[in-house]
């Protein structure tokens, strides 16, 4: 069980609950192996930090993707600027050069925006998936804890001794 992920431990807990024997005259109360459930919960607690590290890594990757996109955009803009300056220096084609440089700069900015937008979309999607996984894990843990800690309200009445009515 040492190499399993959080989802696997949650599945194991579900299986423990499915195999639990129910109390007589009670459809919702069951006997479970507390040690097995605690072991699963302990493993989940140990693995949650790993999933948090994965989420932090994704955030870090987002920054590097954005930085790379900005670097590429700046490089494209610098090349466009350099090209524009070269064309301006040539008097015969100055007007055409200015128009071409403007177009190149516009395309560079559009490409930079597209790269940044795609990077942001990828990061948001990846973070959303990580968030869903963590939320599902936490919900399952809470549900399991609630099931384990639920008060046992339906005890058979036959074992409770009858007391005589009090006299005034």
N, C-alpha and C. Protein backbone atom coordinates (compact mmCIF):
# COMPACT_ATOMS: atom_id res chain seq x y z
N UNK A 1 0.80 -1.20 0.00
CA UNK A 1 0.00 0.00 0.00
C UNK A 1 0.85 1.27 0.00
N UNK A 2 2.18 1.16 0.14
CA UNK A 2 3.03 2.34 0.33
C UNK A 2 3.10 3.24 -0.89
N UNK A 3 3.00 2.71 -2.10
CA UNK A 3 3.19 3.52 -3.30
C UNK A 3 1.88 3.99 -3.92
N UNK A 4 0.76 3.80 -3.25
CA UNK A 4 -0.52 4.19 -3.81
C UNK A 4 -0.73 5.69 -3.70
N UNK A 5 -1.55 6.25 -4.57
CA UNK A 5 -1.87 7.67 -4.54
C UNK A 5 -3.14 7.88 -3.71
N UNK A 6 -3.49 9.11 -3.46
CA UNK A 6 -4.63 9.46 -2.62
C UNK A 6 -5.91 8.79 -3.14
N UNK A 7 -6.14 8.84 -4.45
CA UNK A 7 -7.35 8.22 -5.01
C UNK A 7 -7.40 6.73 -4.70
N UNK A 8 -6.24 6.08 -4.74
CA UNK A 8 -6.21 4.64 -4.46
C UNK A 8 -6.58 4.36 -3.00
N UNK A 9 -6.11 5.21 -2.08
CA UNK A 9 -6.46 5.03 -0.68
C UNK A 9 -7.94 5.32 -0.44
N UNK A 10 -8.47 6.28 -1.14
CA UNK A 10 -9.91 6.55 -1.01
C UNK A 10 -10.72 5.37 -1.54
N UNK A 11 -10.27 4.77 -2.64
CA UNK A 11 -10.93 3.56 -3.16
C UNK A 11 -10.84 2.43 -2.14
N UNK A 12 -9.69 2.29 -1.49
CA UNK A 12 -9.51 1.25 -0.48
C UNK A 12 -10.47 1.49 0.69
N UNK A 13 -10.66 2.75 1.07
CA UNK A 13 -11.59 3.07 2.16
C UNK A 13 -13.02 2.73 1.75
N UNK A 14 -13.37 3.04 0.50
CA UNK A 14 -14.71 2.67 0.01
C UNK A 14 -14.90 1.16 0.08
N UNK A 15 -13.87 0.43 -0.30
CA UNK A 15 -13.95 -1.03 -0.29
C UNK A 15 -14.12 -1.55 1.14
N UNK A 16 -13.39 -0.96 2.09
CA UNK A 16 -13.52 -1.34 3.50
C UNK A 16 -14.96 -1.10 3.95
N UNK A 17 -15.51 0.05 3.58
CA UNK A 17 -16.89 0.37 3.97
C UNK A 17 -17.89 -0.56 3.29
N UNK A 18 -17.63 -0.91 2.02
CA UNK A 18 -18.54 -1.82 1.31
C UNK A 18 -18.54 -3.21 1.95
N UNK A 19 -17.41 -3.65 2.47
CA UNK A 19 -17.30 -4.99 3.05
C UNK A 19 -17.70 -5.03 4.52
N UNK A 20 -17.98 -3.89 5.12
CA UNK A 20 -18.29 -3.83 6.54
C UNK A 20 -19.60 -4.55 6.85
N UNK A 21 -19.62 -5.24 7.99
CA UNK A 21 -20.82 -5.93 8.42
C UNK A 21 -21.77 -4.92 9.07
N UNK A 22 -23.05 -5.02 8.75
CA UNK A 22 -23.98 -4.06 9.32
C UNK A 22 -24.53 -4.59 10.65
N UNK A 23 -24.92 -3.62 11.50
CA UNK A 23 -25.51 -3.96 12.78
C UNK A 23 -26.89 -4.57 12.54
N UNK A 24 -27.28 -5.49 13.40
CA UNK A 24 -28.64 -6.04 13.27
C UNK A 24 -29.67 -4.93 13.45
N UNK A 25 -30.71 -4.97 12.68
CA UNK A 25 -31.82 -4.03 12.72
C UNK A 25 -31.40 -2.60 12.37
N UNK A 26 -30.32 -2.47 11.68
CA UNK A 26 -29.85 -1.14 11.27
C UNK A 26 -29.30 -1.23 9.86
N UNK A 27 -29.85 -0.41 8.97
CA UNK A 27 -29.39 -0.46 7.58
C UNK A 27 -28.21 0.48 7.32
N UNK A 28 -27.97 1.44 8.23
CA UNK A 28 -26.93 2.43 7.98
C UNK A 28 -25.73 2.30 8.91
N UNK A 29 -25.76 1.47 9.90
CA UNK A 29 -24.67 1.33 10.85
C UNK A 29 -23.93 0.02 10.55
N UNK A 30 -22.58 0.11 10.52
CA UNK A 30 -21.77 -1.05 10.20
C UNK A 30 -20.54 -1.09 11.07
N UNK A 31 -19.96 -2.28 11.17
CA UNK A 31 -18.68 -2.47 11.85
C UNK A 31 -17.58 -2.42 10.80
N UNK A 32 -16.58 -1.61 11.03
CA UNK A 32 -15.46 -1.52 10.10
C UNK A 32 -14.17 -1.76 10.85
N UNK A 33 -13.13 -2.13 10.11
CA UNK A 33 -11.80 -2.30 10.66
C UNK A 33 -11.18 -0.92 10.80
N UNK A 34 -11.21 -0.40 12.02
CA UNK A 34 -10.74 0.96 12.29
C UNK A 34 -9.26 1.10 11.93
N UNK A 35 -8.47 0.09 12.21
CA UNK A 35 -7.03 0.18 11.90
C UNK A 35 -6.80 0.31 10.40
N UNK A 36 -7.57 -0.41 9.60
CA UNK A 36 -7.41 -0.29 8.14
C UNK A 36 -7.78 1.11 7.68
N UNK A 37 -8.89 1.65 8.19
CA UNK A 37 -9.30 3.00 7.81
C UNK A 37 -8.27 4.04 8.27
N UNK A 38 -7.77 3.90 9.49
CA UNK A 38 -6.76 4.85 9.96
C UNK A 38 -5.50 4.79 9.11
N UNK A 39 -5.12 3.58 8.71
CA UNK A 39 -3.93 3.44 7.86
C UNK A 39 -4.15 4.16 6.52
N UNK A 40 -5.32 4.02 5.93
CA UNK A 40 -5.63 4.72 4.68
C UNK A 40 -5.60 6.23 4.90
N UNK A 41 -6.20 6.68 5.98
CA UNK A 41 -6.22 8.13 6.25
C UNK A 41 -4.80 8.65 6.45
N UNK A 42 -3.98 7.89 7.17
CA UNK A 42 -2.57 8.32 7.37
C UNK A 42 -1.85 8.41 6.03
N UNK A 43 -2.06 7.45 5.15
CA UNK A 43 -1.41 7.49 3.84
C UNK A 43 -1.91 8.69 3.02
N UNK A 44 -3.18 8.98 3.13
CA UNK A 44 -3.72 10.14 2.41
C UNK A 44 -3.07 11.41 2.94
N UNK A 45 -2.96 11.53 4.25
CA UNK A 45 -2.32 12.71 4.82
C UNK A 45 -0.87 12.85 4.34
N UNK A 46 -0.19 11.73 4.22
CA UNK A 46 1.21 11.79 3.75
C UNK A 46 1.29 12.16 2.28
N UNK A 47 0.29 11.78 1.49
CA UNK A 47 0.34 12.03 0.05
C UNK A 47 -0.21 13.39 -0.34
N UNK A 48 -1.04 14.01 0.48
CA UNK A 48 -1.59 15.31 0.13
C UNK A 48 -0.49 16.35 -0.08
N UNK A 49 0.56 16.38 0.78
CA UNK A 49 1.63 17.34 0.50
C UNK A 49 2.26 17.14 -0.88
N UNK A 50 2.37 15.90 -1.35
CA UNK A 50 2.91 15.66 -2.69
C UNK A 50 2.02 16.31 -3.75
N UNK A 51 0.73 16.21 -3.58
CA UNK A 51 -0.17 16.81 -4.56
C UNK A 51 -0.11 18.33 -4.46
N UNK A 52 0.12 18.86 -3.27
CA UNK A 52 0.30 20.29 -3.12
C UNK A 52 1.58 20.72 -3.84
N UNK A 53 2.65 19.90 -3.72
CA UNK A 53 3.90 20.21 -4.43
C UNK A 53 3.66 20.22 -5.93
N UNK A 54 2.84 19.29 -6.41
CA UNK A 54 2.53 19.26 -7.84
C UNK A 54 1.81 20.54 -8.25
N UNK A 55 0.88 20.99 -7.43
CA UNK A 55 0.16 22.23 -7.75
C UNK A 55 1.11 23.42 -7.77
N UNK A 56 2.05 23.48 -6.81
CA UNK A 56 3.03 24.56 -6.79
C UNK A 56 3.93 24.49 -8.02
N UNK A 57 4.27 23.29 -8.44
CA UNK A 57 5.10 23.12 -9.63
C UNK A 57 4.37 23.65 -10.86
N UNK A 58 3.08 23.39 -10.93
CA UNK A 58 2.28 23.88 -12.05
C UNK A 58 2.27 25.41 -12.07
N UNK A 59 2.13 26.01 -10.89
CA UNK A 59 2.15 27.47 -10.81
C UNK A 59 3.51 27.99 -11.25
N UNK A 60 4.56 27.31 -10.83
CA UNK A 60 5.91 27.71 -11.22
C UNK A 60 6.10 27.58 -12.73
N UNK A 61 5.59 26.49 -13.29
CA UNK A 61 5.68 26.30 -14.74
C UNK A 61 4.93 27.40 -15.47
N UNK A 62 3.83 27.85 -14.91
CA UNK A 62 3.05 28.93 -15.53
C UNK A 62 3.92 30.17 -15.67
N UNK A 63 4.64 30.50 -14.60
CA UNK A 63 5.50 31.68 -14.64
C UNK A 63 6.58 31.52 -15.71
N UNK A 64 7.20 30.35 -15.78
CA UNK A 64 8.25 30.17 -16.79
C UNK A 64 7.69 30.21 -18.21
N UNK A 65 6.48 29.71 -18.41
CA UNK A 65 5.85 29.76 -19.73
C UNK A 65 5.56 31.21 -20.11
N UNK A 66 5.03 31.96 -19.15
CA UNK A 66 4.74 33.38 -19.42
C UNK A 66 6.04 34.14 -19.67
N UNK A 67 7.05 33.87 -18.87
CA UNK A 67 8.34 34.54 -19.06
C UNK A 67 8.91 34.22 -20.45
N UNK A 68 8.82 32.97 -20.85
CA UNK A 68 9.32 32.57 -22.17
C UNK A 68 8.51 33.25 -23.28
N UNK A 69 7.20 33.32 -23.09
CA UNK A 69 6.36 33.98 -24.09
C UNK A 69 6.71 35.47 -24.18
N UNK A 70 6.94 36.09 -23.05
CA UNK A 70 7.34 37.51 -23.06
C UNK A 70 8.71 37.70 -23.71
N UNK A 71 9.62 36.78 -23.42
CA UNK A 71 10.95 36.86 -24.03
C UNK A 71 10.86 36.73 -25.55
N UNK A 72 10.06 35.77 -26.00
CA UNK A 72 9.88 35.59 -27.44
C UNK A 72 9.22 36.83 -28.05
N UNK A 73 8.25 37.36 -27.38
CA UNK A 73 7.57 38.55 -27.89
C UNK A 73 8.55 39.72 -27.98
N UNK A 74 9.35 39.87 -26.94
CA UNK A 74 10.34 40.96 -26.96
C UNK A 74 11.36 40.76 -28.08
N UNK A 75 11.77 39.54 -28.26
CA UNK A 75 12.73 39.23 -29.34
C UNK A 75 12.11 39.55 -30.71
N UNK A 76 10.87 39.17 -30.89
CA UNK A 76 10.17 39.44 -32.15
C UNK A 76 10.04 40.95 -32.36
N UNK A 77 9.68 41.65 -31.29
CA UNK A 77 9.53 43.11 -31.39
C UNK A 77 10.88 43.75 -31.70
N UNK A 78 11.94 43.29 -31.04
CA UNK A 78 13.28 43.85 -31.31
C UNK A 78 13.70 43.61 -32.75
N UNK A 79 13.43 42.41 -33.26
CA UNK A 79 13.76 42.13 -34.66
C UNK A 79 12.96 43.02 -35.60
N UNK A 80 11.68 43.18 -35.25
CA UNK A 80 10.83 44.04 -36.08
C UNK A 80 11.33 45.49 -36.04
N UNK A 81 11.70 45.94 -34.87
CA UNK A 81 12.21 47.30 -34.70
C UNK A 81 13.51 47.48 -35.49
N UNK A 82 14.37 46.49 -35.41
CA UNK A 82 15.63 46.55 -36.14
C UNK A 82 15.39 46.57 -37.64
N UNK A 83 14.48 45.73 -38.05
CA UNK A 83 14.14 45.68 -39.48
C UNK A 83 13.56 47.02 -39.93
N UNK A 84 12.69 47.58 -39.12
CA UNK A 84 12.06 48.86 -39.44
C UNK A 84 13.13 49.95 -39.59
N UNK A 85 14.09 50.00 -38.67
CA UNK A 85 15.15 51.01 -38.72
C UNK A 85 16.01 50.85 -39.98
N UNK A 86 16.26 49.63 -40.37
CA UNK A 86 17.06 49.39 -41.58
C UNK A 86 16.31 49.90 -42.80
N UNK A 87 15.03 49.64 -42.86
CA UNK A 87 14.24 50.07 -44.02
C UNK A 87 14.10 51.59 -44.08
N UNK A 88 13.99 52.22 -42.90
CA UNK A 88 13.89 53.68 -42.87
C UNK A 88 15.16 54.31 -43.43
N UNK A 89 16.30 53.68 -43.14
CA UNK A 89 17.58 54.22 -43.61
C UNK A 89 17.68 54.23 -45.13
N UNK A 90 16.97 53.42 -45.76
CA UNK A 90 16.99 53.38 -47.22
C UNK A 90 15.91 54.34 -47.73
N UNK A 91 16.33 55.54 -48.18
CA UNK A 91 15.41 56.61 -48.57
C UNK A 91 14.45 56.22 -49.69
N UNK A 92 14.87 55.41 -50.61
CA UNK A 92 14.03 55.09 -51.77
C UNK A 92 12.74 54.36 -51.38
N UNK A 93 12.84 53.57 -50.33
CA UNK A 93 11.67 52.75 -49.98
C UNK A 93 11.18 53.04 -48.55
N UNK A 94 11.40 54.23 -48.10
CA UNK A 94 11.05 54.59 -46.73
C UNK A 94 9.58 54.37 -46.42
N UNK A 95 8.70 54.82 -47.27
CA UNK A 95 7.27 54.69 -47.01
C UNK A 95 6.84 53.22 -46.92
N UNK A 96 7.33 52.42 -47.86
CA UNK A 96 6.97 50.99 -47.84
C UNK A 96 7.57 50.30 -46.61
N UNK A 97 8.76 50.72 -46.26
CA UNK A 97 9.44 50.12 -45.11
C UNK A 97 8.68 50.41 -43.82
N UNK A 98 8.20 51.63 -43.67
CA UNK A 98 7.46 51.99 -42.46
C UNK A 98 6.18 51.16 -42.34
N UNK A 99 5.51 50.98 -43.45
CA UNK A 99 4.27 50.19 -43.43
C UNK A 99 4.57 48.73 -43.07
N UNK A 100 5.63 48.19 -43.67
CA UNK A 100 6.00 46.79 -43.40
C UNK A 100 6.42 46.62 -41.94
N UNK A 101 7.20 47.56 -41.43
CA UNK A 101 7.65 47.48 -40.03
C UNK A 101 6.46 47.53 -39.08
N UNK A 102 5.52 48.37 -39.37
CA UNK A 102 4.32 48.47 -38.54
C UNK A 102 3.55 47.16 -38.55
N UNK A 103 3.43 46.56 -39.72
CA UNK A 103 2.73 45.29 -39.84
C UNK A 103 3.45 44.18 -39.07
N UNK A 104 4.77 44.16 -39.20
CA UNK A 104 5.56 43.14 -38.48
C UNK A 104 5.38 43.31 -36.97
N UNK A 105 5.44 44.55 -36.51
CA UNK A 105 5.27 44.82 -35.09
C UNK A 105 3.87 44.40 -34.63
N UNK A 106 2.88 44.68 -35.43
CA UNK A 106 1.50 44.32 -35.10
C UNK A 106 1.35 42.79 -35.02
N UNK A 107 1.94 42.10 -36.00
CA UNK A 107 1.89 40.64 -35.99
C UNK A 107 2.63 40.06 -34.80
N UNK A 108 3.76 40.68 -34.47
CA UNK A 108 4.53 40.21 -33.31
C UNK A 108 3.72 40.35 -32.03
N UNK A 109 3.06 41.47 -31.88
CA UNK A 109 2.23 41.68 -30.69
C UNK A 109 1.06 40.70 -30.65
N UNK A 110 0.46 40.45 -31.82
CA UNK A 110 -0.65 39.49 -31.88
C UNK A 110 -0.15 38.09 -31.54
N UNK A 111 1.02 37.72 -32.06
CA UNK A 111 1.57 36.40 -31.78
C UNK A 111 1.93 36.28 -30.30
N UNK A 112 2.49 37.33 -29.73
CA UNK A 112 2.83 37.33 -28.31
C UNK A 112 1.56 37.18 -27.46
N UNK A 113 0.51 37.89 -27.83
CA UNK A 113 -0.76 37.78 -27.09
C UNK A 113 -1.32 36.36 -27.21
N UNK A 114 -1.22 35.79 -28.41
CA UNK A 114 -1.75 34.43 -28.62
C UNK A 114 -0.96 33.42 -27.79
N UNK A 115 0.36 33.55 -27.76
CA UNK A 115 1.19 32.63 -26.98
C UNK A 115 0.86 32.77 -25.50
N UNK A 116 0.75 34.00 -25.02
CA UNK A 116 0.42 34.24 -23.61
C UNK A 116 -0.97 33.70 -23.29
N UNK A 117 -1.92 33.93 -24.16
CA UNK A 117 -3.29 33.46 -23.94
C UNK A 117 -3.33 31.93 -23.87
N UNK A 118 -2.61 31.27 -24.78
CA UNK A 118 -2.58 29.80 -24.77
C UNK A 118 -1.92 29.29 -23.50
N UNK A 119 -0.85 29.95 -23.08
CA UNK A 119 -0.17 29.54 -21.84
C UNK A 119 -1.10 29.72 -20.65
N UNK A 120 -1.78 30.84 -20.56
CA UNK A 120 -2.71 31.09 -19.45
C UNK A 120 -3.83 30.05 -19.44
N UNK A 121 -4.36 29.73 -20.61
CA UNK A 121 -5.45 28.76 -20.70
C UNK A 121 -4.98 27.38 -20.22
N UNK A 122 -3.78 26.99 -20.64
CA UNK A 122 -3.22 25.70 -20.23
C UNK A 122 -3.05 25.68 -18.71
N UNK A 123 -2.53 26.74 -18.16
CA UNK A 123 -2.27 26.79 -16.72
C UNK A 123 -3.58 26.76 -15.94
N UNK A 124 -4.55 27.53 -16.37
CA UNK A 124 -5.85 27.55 -15.68
C UNK A 124 -6.50 26.16 -15.74
N UNK A 125 -6.42 25.51 -16.88
CA UNK A 125 -6.99 24.18 -17.02
C UNK A 125 -6.29 23.18 -16.10
N UNK A 126 -4.96 23.23 -16.08
CA UNK A 126 -4.20 22.31 -15.24
C UNK A 126 -4.47 22.57 -13.76
N UNK A 127 -4.52 23.83 -13.36
CA UNK A 127 -4.81 24.16 -11.96
C UNK A 127 -6.24 23.75 -11.59
N UNK A 128 -7.17 23.90 -12.53
CA UNK A 128 -8.56 23.50 -12.26
C UNK A 128 -8.64 21.99 -12.02
N UNK A 129 -7.91 21.23 -12.83
CA UNK A 129 -7.91 19.77 -12.65
C UNK A 129 -7.29 19.40 -11.31
N UNK A 130 -6.20 20.07 -10.96
CA UNK A 130 -5.56 19.81 -9.66
C UNK A 130 -6.51 20.17 -8.53
N UNK A 131 -7.21 21.31 -8.68
CA UNK A 131 -8.16 21.74 -7.65
C UNK A 131 -9.30 20.74 -7.52
N UNK A 132 -9.81 20.24 -8.64
CA UNK A 132 -10.90 19.27 -8.59
C UNK A 132 -10.45 17.99 -7.87
N UNK A 133 -9.22 17.55 -8.19
CA UNK A 133 -8.70 16.34 -7.56
C UNK A 133 -8.57 16.54 -6.05
N UNK A 134 -8.00 17.67 -5.65
CA UNK A 134 -7.84 17.94 -4.22
C UNK A 134 -9.19 18.09 -3.53
N UNK A 135 -10.13 18.76 -4.17
CA UNK A 135 -11.45 18.95 -3.58
C UNK A 135 -12.16 17.60 -3.42
N UNK A 136 -12.07 16.76 -4.44
CA UNK A 136 -12.69 15.44 -4.36
C UNK A 136 -12.05 14.61 -3.25
N UNK A 137 -10.74 14.71 -3.12
CA UNK A 137 -10.05 13.96 -2.07
C UNK A 137 -10.48 14.44 -0.69
N UNK A 138 -10.53 15.74 -0.50
CA UNK A 138 -10.91 16.30 0.80
C UNK A 138 -12.37 15.95 1.11
N UNK A 139 -13.25 16.04 0.12
CA UNK A 139 -14.66 15.69 0.32
C UNK A 139 -14.79 14.23 0.74
N UNK A 140 -14.06 13.36 0.07
CA UNK A 140 -14.12 11.94 0.40
C UNK A 140 -13.59 11.68 1.79
N UNK A 141 -12.54 12.37 2.17
CA UNK A 141 -11.98 12.21 3.52
C UNK A 141 -13.00 12.66 4.55
N UNK A 142 -13.60 13.83 4.33
CA UNK A 142 -14.60 14.34 5.28
C UNK A 142 -15.79 13.40 5.38
N UNK A 143 -16.22 12.90 4.22
CA UNK A 143 -17.36 11.97 4.21
C UNK A 143 -17.02 10.72 5.02
N UNK A 144 -15.81 10.21 4.83
CA UNK A 144 -15.38 9.01 5.53
C UNK A 144 -15.23 9.28 7.02
N UNK A 145 -14.67 10.42 7.38
CA UNK A 145 -14.56 10.78 8.79
C UNK A 145 -15.95 10.89 9.41
N UNK A 146 -16.86 11.53 8.67
CA UNK A 146 -18.22 11.67 9.19
C UNK A 146 -18.88 10.33 9.40
N UNK A 147 -18.64 9.40 8.50
CA UNK A 147 -19.20 8.06 8.61
C UNK A 147 -18.62 7.34 9.82
N UNK A 148 -17.32 7.52 10.03
CA UNK A 148 -16.65 6.85 11.15
C UNK A 148 -17.10 7.46 12.48
N UNK A 149 -17.23 8.78 12.54
CA UNK A 149 -17.54 9.47 13.78
C UNK A 149 -19.05 9.59 14.04
N UNK A 150 -19.90 9.15 13.15
CA UNK A 150 -21.35 9.32 13.29
C UNK A 150 -21.83 8.64 14.58
N UNK A 151 -22.67 9.32 15.36
CA UNK A 151 -23.17 8.72 16.60
C UNK A 151 -24.08 7.54 16.28
N UNK A 152 -24.04 6.59 17.09
CA UNK A 152 -24.85 5.39 16.90
C UNK A 152 -26.17 5.61 17.63
N UNK A 153 -27.16 6.04 16.88
CA UNK A 153 -28.44 6.41 17.48
C UNK A 153 -29.41 5.24 17.54
N UNK A 154 -29.24 4.27 16.73
CA UNK A 154 -30.23 3.19 16.71
C UNK A 154 -29.64 1.95 17.36
N UNK A 155 -29.77 1.85 18.66
CA UNK A 155 -29.32 0.69 19.43
C UNK A 155 -30.54 -0.19 19.66
N UNK A 156 -30.38 -1.49 19.67
CA UNK A 156 -31.52 -2.38 19.96
C UNK A 156 -32.07 -2.10 21.37
N UNK A 157 -33.35 -2.02 21.51
CA UNK A 157 -34.00 -1.67 22.76
C UNK A 157 -34.03 -2.83 23.75
N UNK A 158 -33.79 -4.03 23.29
CA UNK A 158 -33.92 -5.19 24.15
C UNK A 158 -32.83 -5.25 25.23
N UNK A 159 -31.70 -4.63 25.04
CA UNK A 159 -30.61 -4.68 26.02
C UNK A 159 -30.71 -3.58 27.07
N UNK A 160 -31.62 -2.66 26.97
CA UNK A 160 -31.76 -1.55 27.92
C UNK A 160 -32.70 -2.00 29.04
N UNK A 161 -32.21 -1.97 30.27
CA UNK A 161 -33.08 -2.42 31.38
C UNK A 161 -34.24 -1.46 31.60
N UNK A 162 -35.38 -2.02 31.92
CA UNK A 162 -36.59 -1.24 32.17
C UNK A 162 -36.54 -0.72 33.63
N UNK A 163 -36.87 0.52 33.84
CA UNK A 163 -36.93 1.09 35.18
C UNK A 163 -38.39 1.26 35.56
N UNK A 164 -38.68 1.00 36.80
CA UNK A 164 -40.08 1.20 37.22
C UNK A 164 -40.43 2.67 37.20
N UNK A 165 -41.68 3.02 36.96
CA UNK A 165 -42.09 4.43 36.93
C UNK A 165 -41.86 5.08 38.30
N UNK A 166 -41.50 6.33 38.29
CA UNK A 166 -41.23 7.06 39.53
C UNK A 166 -42.55 7.43 40.21
N UNK A 167 -42.54 7.33 41.54
CA UNK A 167 -43.74 7.67 42.31
C UNK A 167 -43.60 9.08 42.86
N UNK A 168 -44.71 9.77 42.97
CA UNK A 168 -44.72 11.16 43.46
C UNK A 168 -44.95 11.25 44.90
